[in-house]
Amino acid sequence: SNSMQYQPVSRFWEFQGIETGIFLALTAILLYLA
């Protein structure tokens, strides 16, 4: 069989939300330290 491991394009906004949340959390930490 042909086999493929993949992330479907339908998960684009889920990935965007997770990554944006990470960078917003880092932003809050840096401003607090500043």
Full PDB file with SEQRES, HELIX, SHEET, SSBOND, CRYST1, ORIGX, SCALE, CONECT and MASTER records, all heavy atoms in Angstrom:
SEQRES   1 A   34  SER ASN SER MET GLN TYR GLN PRO VAL SER ARG PHE TRP          
SEQRES   2 A   34  GLU PHE GLN GLY ILE GLU THR GLY ILE PHE LEU ALA LEU          
SEQRES   3 A   34  THR ALA ILE LEU LEU TYR LEU ALA                              
HELIX    1 AA1 VAL A    9  ARG A   11  5                                   3    
HELIX    2 AA2 PHE A   12  LEU A   33  1                                  22    
CRYST1    1.000    1.000    1.000  90.00  90.00  90.00 P 1           1          
ORIGX1      1.000000  0.000000  0.000000        0.00000                         
ORIGX2      0.000000  1.000000  0.000000        0.00000                         
ORIGX3      0.000000  0.000000  1.000000        0.00000                         
SCALE1      1.000000  0.000000  0.000000        0.00000                         
SCALE2      0.000000  1.000000  0.000000        0.00000                         
SCALE3      0.000000  0.000000  1.000000        0.00000                         
ATOM      1  N   SER A   1       0.835  -1.206   0.000  1.00  0.00           N  
ATOM      2  CA  SER A   1       0.000   0.000   0.000  1.00  0.00           C  
ATOM      3  C   SER A   1       0.865   1.250   0.000  1.00  0.00           C  
ATOM      4  O   SER A   1       2.003   1.251   0.516  1.00  0.00           O  
ATOM      5  CB  SER A   1      -0.915   0.047   1.239  1.00  0.00           C  
ATOM      6  OG  SER A   1      -1.774  -1.055   1.287  1.00  0.00           O  
ATOM      7  N   ASN A   2       0.332   2.300  -0.599  1.00  0.00           N  
ATOM      8  CA  ASN A   2       0.923   3.623  -0.445  1.00  0.00           C  
ATOM      9  C   ASN A   2       0.502   4.167   0.913  1.00  0.00           C  
ATOM     10  O   ASN A   2      -0.671   4.113   1.281  1.00  0.00           O  
ATOM     11  CB  ASN A   2       0.422   4.568  -1.538  1.00  0.00           C  
ATOM     12  CG  ASN A   2       0.905   4.164  -2.916  1.00  0.00           C  
ATOM     13  OD1 ASN A   2       2.078   4.259  -3.222  1.00  0.00           O  
ATOM     14  ND2 ASN A   2      -0.027   3.709  -3.764  1.00  0.00           N  
ATOM     15  N   SER A   3       1.463   4.682   1.666  1.00  0.00           N  
ATOM     16  CA  SER A   3       1.167   5.198   3.002  1.00  0.00           C  
ATOM     17  C   SER A   3       1.690   6.620   3.129  1.00  0.00           C  
ATOM     18  O   SER A   3       2.755   6.958   2.574  1.00  0.00           O  
ATOM     19  CB  SER A   3       1.804   4.304   4.070  1.00  0.00           C  
ATOM     20  OG  SER A   3       1.578   4.823   5.363  1.00  0.00           O  
ATOM     21  N   MET A   4       0.950   7.447   3.870  1.00  0.00           N  
ATOM     22  CA  MET A   4       1.365   8.835   4.051  1.00  0.00           C  
ATOM     23  C   MET A   4       0.959   9.313   5.438  1.00  0.00           C  
ATOM     24  O   MET A   4      -0.176   9.102   5.873  1.00  0.00           O  
ATOM     25  CB  MET A   4       0.710   9.719   2.986  1.00  0.00           C  
ATOM     26  CG  MET A   4       0.992  11.208   3.144  1.00  0.00           C  
ATOM     27  SD  MET A   4       0.028  12.208   1.983  1.00  0.00           S  
ATOM     28  CE  MET A   4       0.737  11.684   0.428  1.00  0.00           C  
ATOM     29  N   GLN A   5       1.890   9.951   6.133  1.00  0.00           N  
ATOM     30  CA  GLN A   5       1.577  10.656   7.378  1.00  0.00           C  
ATOM     31  C   GLN A   5       1.497  12.137   7.054  1.00  0.00           C  
ATOM     32  O   GLN A   5       2.417  12.688   6.445  1.00  0.00           O  
ATOM     33  CB  GLN A   5       2.647  10.403   8.442  1.00  0.00           C  
ATOM     34  CG  GLN A   5       2.443   9.142   9.251  1.00  0.00           C  
ATOM     35  CD  GLN A   5       3.215   9.190  10.556  1.00  0.00           C  
ATOM     36  OE1 GLN A   5       4.291   9.765  10.627  1.00  0.00           O  
ATOM     37  NE2 GLN A   5       2.667   8.574  11.586  1.00  0.00           N  
ATOM     38  N   TYR A   6       0.437  12.816   7.508  1.00  0.00           N  
ATOM     39  CA  TYR A   6       0.223  14.190   7.069  1.00  0.00           C  
ATOM     40  C   TYR A   6      -0.650  14.959   8.050  1.00  0.00           C  
ATOM     41  O   TYR A   6      -1.355  14.374   8.896  1.00  0.00           O  
ATOM     42  CB  TYR A   6      -0.450  14.194   5.691  1.00  0.00           C  
ATOM     43  CG  TYR A   6      -1.884  13.688   5.710  1.00  0.00           C  
ATOM     44  CD1 TYR A   6      -2.956  14.584   5.701  1.00  0.00           C  
ATOM     45  CD2 TYR A   6      -2.163  12.324   5.754  1.00  0.00           C  
ATOM     46  CE1 TYR A   6      -4.265  14.129   5.731  1.00  0.00           C  
ATOM     47  CE2 TYR A   6      -3.464  11.864   5.780  1.00  0.00           C  
ATOM     48  CZ  TYR A   6      -4.510  12.765   5.766  1.00  0.00           C  
ATOM     49  OH  TYR A   6      -5.799  12.302   5.806  1.00  0.00           O  
ATOM     50  N   GLN A   7      -0.593  16.273   7.938  1.00  0.00           N  
ATOM     51  CA  GLN A   7      -1.533  17.165   8.607  1.00  0.00           C  
ATOM     52  C   GLN A   7      -2.452  17.736   7.527  1.00  0.00           C  
ATOM     53  O   GLN A   7      -1.975  18.347   6.569  1.00  0.00           O  
ATOM     54  CB  GLN A   7      -0.795  18.310   9.316  1.00  0.00           C  
ATOM     55  CG  GLN A   7       0.110  17.894  10.455  1.00  0.00           C  
ATOM     56  CD  GLN A   7      -0.664  17.487  11.707  1.00  0.00           C  
ATOM     57  OE1 GLN A   7      -1.891  17.550  11.739  1.00  0.00           O  
ATOM     58  NE2 GLN A   7       0.064  17.068  12.721  1.00  0.00           N  
ATOM     59  N   PRO A   8      -3.755  17.550   7.637  1.00  0.00           N  
ATOM     60  CA  PRO A   8      -4.658  18.069   6.601  1.00  0.00           C  
ATOM     61  C   PRO A   8      -4.702  19.594   6.628  1.00  0.00           C  
ATOM     62  O   PRO A   8      -4.525  20.224   7.672  1.00  0.00           O  
ATOM     63  CB  PRO A   8      -6.009  17.459   6.984  1.00  0.00           C  
ATOM     64  CG  PRO A   8      -5.906  17.212   8.453  1.00  0.00           C  
ATOM     65  CD  PRO A   8      -4.470  16.862   8.713  1.00  0.00           C  
ATOM     66  N   VAL A   9      -4.975  20.178   5.493  1.00  0.00           N  
ATOM     67  CA  VAL A   9      -5.022  21.633   5.393  1.00  0.00           C  
ATOM     68  C   VAL A   9      -6.147  22.205   6.244  1.00  0.00           C  
ATOM     69  O   VAL A   9      -6.107  23.383   6.631  1.00  0.00           O  
ATOM     70  CB  VAL A   9      -5.174  22.050   3.916  1.00  0.00           C  
ATOM     71  CG1 VAL A   9      -6.560  21.695   3.386  1.00  0.00           C  
ATOM     72  CG2 VAL A   9      -4.900  23.534   3.733  1.00  0.00           C  
ATOM     73  N   SER A  10      -7.131  21.396   6.575  1.00  0.00           N  
ATOM     74  CA  SER A  10      -8.236  21.866   7.418  1.00  0.00           C  
ATOM     75  C   SER A  10      -7.782  22.238   8.823  1.00  0.00           C  
ATOM     76  O   SER A  10      -8.521  22.900   9.563  1.00  0.00           O  
ATOM     77  CB  SER A  10      -9.326  20.791   7.503  1.00  0.00           C  
ATOM     78  OG  SER A  10      -8.804  19.592   8.046  1.00  0.00           O  
ATOM     79  N   ARG A  11      -6.587  21.839   9.197  1.00  0.00           N  
ATOM     80  CA  ARG A  11      -6.067  22.163  10.531  1.00  0.00           C  
ATOM     81  C   ARG A  11      -5.279  23.475  10.548  1.00  0.00           C  
ATOM     82  O   ARG A  11      -4.671  23.811  11.561  1.00  0.00           O  
ATOM     83  CB  ARG A  11      -5.165  21.032  11.032  1.00  0.00           C  
ATOM     84  CG  ARG A  11      -5.919  19.761  11.388  1.00  0.00           C  
ATOM     85  CD  ARG A  11      -4.987  18.683  11.925  1.00  0.00           C  
ATOM     86  NE  ARG A  11      -5.729  17.535  12.409  1.00  0.00           N  
ATOM     87  CZ  ARG A  11      -5.169  16.442  12.919  1.00  0.00           C  
ATOM     88  NH1 ARG A  11      -3.840  16.353  12.990  1.00  0.00           N  
ATOM     89  NH2 ARG A  11      -5.919  15.452  13.355  1.00  0.00           N  
ATOM     90  N   PHE A  12      -5.305  24.196   9.441  1.00  0.00           N  
ATOM     91  CA  PHE A  12      -4.522  25.432   9.351  1.00  0.00           C  
ATOM     92  C   PHE A  12      -4.834  26.387  10.501  1.00  0.00           C  
ATOM     93  O   PHE A  12      -3.928  26.893  11.170  1.00  0.00           O  
ATOM     94  CB  PHE A  12      -4.794  26.112   8.005  1.00  0.00           C  
ATOM     95  CG  PHE A  12      -4.193  27.483   7.882  1.00  0.00           C  
ATOM     96  CD1 PHE A  12      -2.835  27.642   7.627  1.00  0.00           C  
ATOM     97  CD2 PHE A  12      -4.981  28.626   8.028  1.00  0.00           C  
ATOM     98  CE1 PHE A  12      -2.274  28.908   7.510  1.00  0.00           C  
ATOM     99  CE2 PHE A  12      -4.426  29.893   7.908  1.00  0.00           C  
ATOM    100  CZ  PHE A  12      -3.075  30.034   7.654  1.00  0.00           C  
ATOM    101  N   TRP A  13      -6.125  26.644  10.757  1.00  0.00           N  
ATOM    102  CA  TRP A  13      -6.478  27.619  11.783  1.00  0.00           C  
ATOM    103  C   TRP A  13      -6.189  27.097  13.185  1.00  0.00           C  
ATOM    104  O   TRP A  13      -5.894  27.887  14.092  1.00  0.00           O  
ATOM    105  CB  TRP A  13      -7.938  28.031  11.637  1.00  0.00           C  
ATOM    106  CG  TRP A  13      -8.132  28.935  10.462  1.00  0.00           C  
ATOM    107  CD1 TRP A  13      -8.782  28.652   9.286  1.00  0.00           C  
ATOM    108  CD2 TRP A  13      -7.638  30.273  10.319  1.00  0.00           C  
ATOM    109  NE1 TRP A  13      -8.720  29.722   8.430  1.00  0.00           N  
ATOM    110  CE2 TRP A  13      -8.032  30.734   9.034  1.00  0.00           C  
ATOM    111  CE3 TRP A  13      -6.906  31.122  11.143  1.00  0.00           C  
ATOM    112  CZ2 TRP A  13      -7.718  32.011   8.567  1.00  0.00           C  
ATOM    113  CZ3 TRP A  13      -6.583  32.389  10.683  1.00  0.00           C  
ATOM    114  CH2 TRP A  13      -6.995  32.829   9.412  1.00  0.00           C  
ATOM    115  N   GLU A  14      -6.267  25.796  13.393  1.00  0.00           N  
ATOM    116  CA  GLU A  14      -5.877  25.249  14.691  1.00  0.00           C  
ATOM    117  C   GLU A  14      -4.384  25.475  14.934  1.00  0.00           C  
ATOM    118  O   GLU A  14      -3.977  25.899  16.030  1.00  0.00           O  
ATOM    119  CB  GLU A  14      -6.195  23.757  14.751  1.00  0.00           C  
ATOM    120  CG  GLU A  14      -7.679  23.428  14.779  1.00  0.00           C  
ATOM    121  CD  GLU A  14      -7.921  21.932  14.810  1.00  0.00           C  
ATOM    122  OE1 GLU A  14      -7.823  21.341  15.893  1.00  0.00           O  
ATOM    123  OE2 GLU A  14      -8.193  21.353  13.725  1.00  0.00           O  
ATOM    124  N   PHE A  15      -3.569  25.214  13.931  1.00  0.00           N  
ATOM    125  CA  PHE A  15      -2.137  25.448  14.059  1.00  0.00           C  
ATOM    126  C   PHE A  15      -1.844  26.932  14.255  1.00  0.00           C  
ATOM    127  O   PHE A  15      -0.981  27.307  15.057  1.00  0.00           O  
ATOM    128  CB  PHE A  15      -1.406  24.917  12.819  1.00  0.00           C  
ATOM    129  CG  PHE A  15      -1.010  23.476  12.914  1.00  0.00           C  
ATOM    130  CD1 PHE A  15      -1.964  22.465  12.923  1.00  0.00           C  
ATOM    131  CD2 PHE A  15       0.313  23.118  13.000  1.00  0.00           C  
ATOM    132  CE1 PHE A  15      -1.602  21.138  13.015  1.00  0.00           C  
ATOM    133  CE2 PHE A  15       0.703  21.783  13.090  1.00  0.00           C  
ATOM    134  CZ  PHE A  15      -0.266  20.796  13.101  1.00  0.00           C  
ATOM    135  N   GLN A  16      -2.566  27.779  13.517  1.00  0.00           N  
ATOM    136  CA  GLN A  16      -2.379  29.222  13.662  1.00  0.00           C  
ATOM    137  C   GLN A  16      -2.707  29.665  15.091  1.00  0.00           C  
ATOM    138  O   GLN A  16      -1.980  30.466  15.689  1.00  0.00           O  
ATOM    139  CB  GLN A  16      -3.272  29.962  12.674  1.00  0.00           C  
ATOM    140  CG  GLN A  16      -2.772  29.925  11.235  1.00  0.00           C  
ATOM    141  CD  GLN A  16      -1.838  31.069  10.920  1.00  0.00           C  
ATOM    142  OE1 GLN A  16      -2.103  32.217  11.216  1.00  0.00           O  
ATOM    143  NE2 GLN A  16      -0.716  30.754  10.293  1.00  0.00           N  
ATOM    144  N   GLY A  17      -3.819  29.172  15.619  1.00  0.00           N  
ATOM    145  CA  GLY A  17      -4.204  29.551  16.973  1.00  0.00           C  
ATOM    146  C   GLY A  17      -3.195  29.107  18.018  1.00  0.00           C  
ATOM    147  O   GLY A  17      -2.867  29.866  18.937  1.00  0.00           O  
ATOM    148  N   ILE A  18      -2.695  27.883  17.878  1.00  0.00           N  
ATOM    149  CA  ILE A  18      -1.717  27.371  18.840  1.00  0.00           C  
ATOM    150  C   ILE A  18      -0.431  28.191  18.789  1.00  0.00           C  
ATOM    151  O   ILE A  18       0.092  28.627  19.826  1.00  0.00           O  
ATOM    152  CB  ILE A  18      -1.412  25.885  18.553  1.00  0.00           C  
ATOM    153  CG1 ILE A  18      -2.654  25.027  18.828  1.00  0.00           C  
ATOM    154  CG2 ILE A  18      -0.236  25.399  19.393  1.00  0.00           C  
ATOM    155  CD1 ILE A  18      -2.530  23.600  18.340  1.00  0.00           C  
ATOM    156  N   GLU A  19       0.076  28.435  17.580  1.00  0.00           N  
ATOM    157  CA  GLU A  19       1.347  29.158  17.469  1.00  0.00           C  
ATOM    158  C   GLU A  19       1.203  30.615  17.891  1.00  0.00           C  
ATOM    159  O   GLU A  19       2.081  31.167  18.558  1.00  0.00           O  
ATOM    160  CB  GLU A  19       1.888  29.066  16.042  1.00  0.00           C  
ATOM    161  CG  GLU A  19       3.263  29.683  15.883  1.00  0.00           C  
ATOM    162  CD  GLU A  19       4.141  28.913  14.912  1.00  0.00           C  
ATOM    163  OE1 GLU A  19       4.113  27.669  14.920  1.00  0.00           O  
ATOM    164  OE2 GLU A  19       4.858  29.564  14.153  1.00  0.00           O  
ATOM    165  N   THR A  20       0.105  31.244  17.522  1.00  0.00           N  
ATOM    166  CA  THR A  20      -0.121  32.627  17.941  1.00  0.00           C  
ATOM    167  C   THR A  20      -0.211  32.707  19.458  1.00  0.00           C  
ATOM    168  O   THR A  20       0.333  33.635  20.084  1.00  0.00           O  
ATOM    169  CB  THR A  20      -1.399  33.185  17.305  1.00  0.00           C  
ATOM    170  OG1 THR A  20      -1.306  33.073  15.883  1.00  0.00           O  
ATOM    171  CG2 THR A  20      -1.608  34.640  17.676  1.00  0.00           C  
ATOM    172  N   GLY A  21      -0.891  31.742  20.074  1.00  0.00           N  
ATOM    173  CA  GLY A  21      -0.978  31.710  21.534  1.00  0.00           C  
ATOM    174  C   GLY A  21       0.382  31.598  22.188  1.00  0.00           C  
ATOM    175  O   GLY A  21       0.651  32.245  23.222  1.00  0.00           O  
ATOM    176  N   ILE A  22       1.274  30.791  21.610  1.00  0.00           N  
ATOM    177  CA  ILE A  22       2.626  30.651  22.154  1.00  0.00           C  
ATOM    178  C   ILE A  22       3.352  31.988  22.127  1.00  0.00           C  
ATOM    179  O   ILE A  22       3.963  32.419  23.118  1.00  0.00           O  
ATOM    180  CB  ILE A  22       3.411  29.587  21.366  1.00  0.00           C  
ATOM    181  CG1 ILE A  22       2.845  28.197  21.625  1.00  0.00           C  
ATOM    182  CG2 ILE A  22       4.898  29.629  21.727  1.00  0.00           C  
ATOM    183  CD1 ILE A  22       3.439  27.115  20.751  1.00  0.00           C  
ATOM    184  N   PHE A  23       3.275  32.686  21.001  1.00  0.00           N  
ATOM    185  CA  PHE A  23       4.002  33.947  20.873  1.00  0.00           C  
ATOM    186  C   PHE A  23       3.360  35.060  21.714  1.00  0.00           C  
ATOM    187  O   PHE A  23       4.074  35.941  22.208  1.00  0.00           O  
ATOM    188  CB  PHE A  23       4.124  34.352  19.407  1.00  0.00           C  
ATOM    189  CG  PHE A  23       5.247  33.651  18.704  1.00  0.00           C  
ATOM    190  CD1 PHE A  23       5.032  32.470  18.011  1.00  0.00           C  
ATOM    191  CD2 PHE A  23       6.542  34.152  18.768  1.00  0.00           C  
ATOM    192  CE1 PHE A  23       6.073  31.813  17.389  1.00  0.00           C  
ATOM    193  CE2 PHE A  23       7.589  33.502  18.145  1.00  0.00           C  
ATOM    194  CZ  PHE A  23       7.361  32.328  17.452  1.00  0.00           C  
ATOM    195  N   LEU A  24       2.061  35.025  21.887  1.00  0.00           N  
ATOM    196  CA  LEU A  24       1.426  36.008  22.770  1.00  0.00           C  
ATOM    197  C   LEU A  24       1.824  35.760  24.222  1.00  0.00           C  
ATOM    198  O   LEU A  24       2.024  36.718  24.992  1.00  0.00           O  
ATOM    199  CB  LEU A  24      -0.095  35.952  22.615  1.00  0.00           C  
ATOM    200  CG  LEU A  24      -0.646  36.470  21.285  1.00  0.00           C  
ATOM    201  CD1 LEU A  24      -2.171  36.352  21.268  1.00  0.00           C  
ATOM    202  CD2 LEU A  24      -0.221  37.910  21.027  1.00  0.00           C  
ATOM    203  N   ALA A  25       1.945  34.481  24.602  1.00  0.00           N  
ATOM    204  CA  ALA A  25       2.403  34.168  25.961  1.00  0.00           C  
ATOM    205  C   ALA A  25       3.840  34.647  26.177  1.00  0.00           C  
ATOM    206  O   ALA A  25       4.163  35.227  27.221  1.00  0.00           O  
ATOM    207  CB  ALA A  25       2.298  32.658  26.214  1.00  0.00           C  
ATOM    208  N   LEU A  26       4.698  34.421  25.182  1.00  0.00           N  
ATOM    209  CA  LEU A  26       6.078  34.910  25.278  1.00  0.00           C  
ATOM    210  C   LEU A  26       6.109  36.437  25.342  1.00  0.00           C  
ATOM    211  O   LEU A  26       6.921  37.024  26.070  1.00  0.00           O  
ATOM    212  CB  LEU A  26       6.887  34.419  24.077  1.00  0.00           C  
ATOM    213  CG  LEU A  26       7.166  32.918  24.008  1.00  0.00           C  
ATOM    214  CD1 LEU A  26       7.851  32.563  22.687  1.00  0.00           C  
ATOM    215  CD2 LEU A  26       8.036  32.476  25.179  1.00  0.00           C  
ATOM    216  N   THR A  27       5.212  37.087  24.609  1.00  0.00           N  
ATOM    217  CA  THR A  27       5.123  38.550  24.635  1.00  0.00           C  
ATOM    218  C   THR A  27       4.778  39.040  26.035  1.00  0.00           C  
ATOM    219  O   THR A  27       5.403  39.982  26.556  1.00  0.00           O  
ATOM    220  CB  THR A  27       4.053  39.030  23.635  1.00  0.00           C  
ATOM    221  OG1 THR A  27       4.440  38.646  22.319  1.00  0.00           O  
ATOM    222  CG2 THR A  27       3.881  40.541  23.689  1.00  0.00           C  
ATOM    223  N   ALA A  28       3.779  38.427  26.652  1.00  0.00           N  
ATOM    224  CA  ALA A  28       3.365  38.830  27.995  1.00  0.00           C  
ATOM    225  C   ALA A  28       4.501  38.639  29.006  1.00  0.00           C  
ATOM    226  O   ALA A  28       4.732  39.502  29.865  1.00  0.00           O  
ATOM    227  CB  ALA A  28       2.132  38.037  28.423  1.00  0.00           C  
ATOM    228  N   ILE A  29       5.220  37.528  28.902  1.00  0.00           N  
ATOM    229  CA  ILE A  29       6.331  37.270  29.822  1.00  0.00           C  
ATOM    230  C   ILE A  29       7.434  38.317  29.661  1.00  0.00           C  
ATOM    231  O   ILE A  29       7.963  38.859  30.639  1.00  0.00           O  
ATOM    232  CB  ILE A  29       6.890  35.851  29.589  1.00  0.00           C  
ATOM    233  CG1 ILE A  29       5.864  34.800  30.000  1.00  0.00           C  
ATOM    234  CG2 ILE A  29       8.195  35.645  30.343  1.00  0.00           C  
ATOM    235  CD1 ILE A  29       6.219  33.395  29.587  1.00  0.00           C  
ATOM    236  N   LEU A  30       7.783  38.628  28.411  1.00  0.00           N  
ATOM    237  CA  LEU A  30       8.848  39.603  28.156  1.00  0.00           C  
ATOM    238  C   LEU A  30       8.471  40.994  28.648  1.00  0.00           C  
ATOM    239  O   LEU A  30       9.303  41.715  29.213  1.00  0.00           O  
ATOM    240  CB  LEU A  30       9.165  39.639  26.661  1.00  0.00           C  
ATOM    241  CG  LEU A  30       9.910  38.432  26.099  1.00  0.00           C  
ATOM    242  CD1 LEU A  30       9.939  38.475  24.583  1.00  0.00           C  
ATOM    243  CD2 LEU A  30      11.336  38.370  26.640  1.00  0.00           C  
ATOM    244  N   LEU A  31       7.217  41.392  28.461  1.00  0.00           N  
ATOM    245  CA  LEU A  31       6.789  42.709  28.934  1.00  0.00           C  
ATOM    246  C   LEU A  31       6.777  42.771  30.452  1.00  0.00           C  
ATOM    247  O   LEU A  31       7.138  43.800  31.052  1.00  0.00           O  
ATOM    248  CB  LEU A  31       5.412  43.044  28.369  1.00  0.00           C  
ATOM    249  CG  LEU A  31       5.358  43.300  26.856  1.00  0.00           C  
ATOM    250  CD1 LEU A  31       3.938  43.603  26.410  1.00  0.00           C  
ATOM    251  CD2 LEU A  31       6.289  44.443  26.459  1.00  0.00           C  
ATOM    252  N   TYR A  32       6.378  41.691  31.081  1.00  0.00           N  
ATOM    253  CA  TYR A  32       6.410  41.640  32.545  1.00  0.00           C  
ATOM    254  C   TYR A  32       7.840  41.781  33.058  1.00  0.00           C  
ATOM    255  O   TYR A  32       8.117  42.564  33.994  1.00  0.00           O  
ATOM    256  CB  TYR A  32       5.795  40.326  33.027  1.00  0.00           C  
ATOM    257  CG  TYR A  32       5.996  40.058  34.505  1.00  0.00           C  
ATOM    258  CD1 TYR A  32       5.253  40.741  35.455  1.00  0.00           C  
ATOM    259  CD2 TYR A  32       6.938  39.129  34.940  1.00  0.00           C  
ATOM    260  CE1 TYR A  32       5.445  40.499  36.815  1.00  0.00           C  
ATOM    261  CE2 TYR A  32       7.131  38.876  36.282  1.00  0.00           C  
ATOM    262  CZ  TYR A  32       6.385  39.570  37.216  1.00  0.00           C  
ATOM    263  OH  TYR A  32       6.582  39.332  38.555  1.00  0.00           O  
ATOM    264  N   LEU A  33       8.752  41.050  32.431  1.00  0.00           N  
ATOM    265  CA  LEU A  33      10.163  41.140  32.831  1.00  0.00           C  
ATOM    266  C   LEU A  33      10.734  42.530  32.547  1.00  0.00           C  
ATOM    267  O   LEU A  33      11.552  43.050  33.314  1.00  0.00           O  
ATOM    268  CB  LEU A  33      10.978  40.073  32.100  1.00  0.00           C  
ATOM    269  CG  LEU A  33      10.645  38.615  32.454  1.00  0.00           C  
ATOM    270  CD1 LEU A  33      11.441  37.663  31.554  1.00  0.00           C  
ATOM    271  CD2 LEU A  33      10.940  38.335  33.922  1.00  0.00           C  
ATOM    272  N   ALA A  34      10.295  43.136  31.432  1.00  0.00           N  
ATOM    273  CA  ALA A  34      10.780  44.475  31.093  1.00  0.00           C  
ATOM    274  C   ALA A  34      10.338  45.497  32.138  1.00  0.00           C  
ATOM    275  O   ALA A  34      11.125  46.371  32.541  1.00  0.00           O  
ATOM    276  CB  ALA A  34      10.264  44.881  29.707  1.00  0.00           C  
TER     277      ALA A  34                                                      
MASTER        0    0    0    2    0    0    0    6  276    1    0    3          
END                                                                             
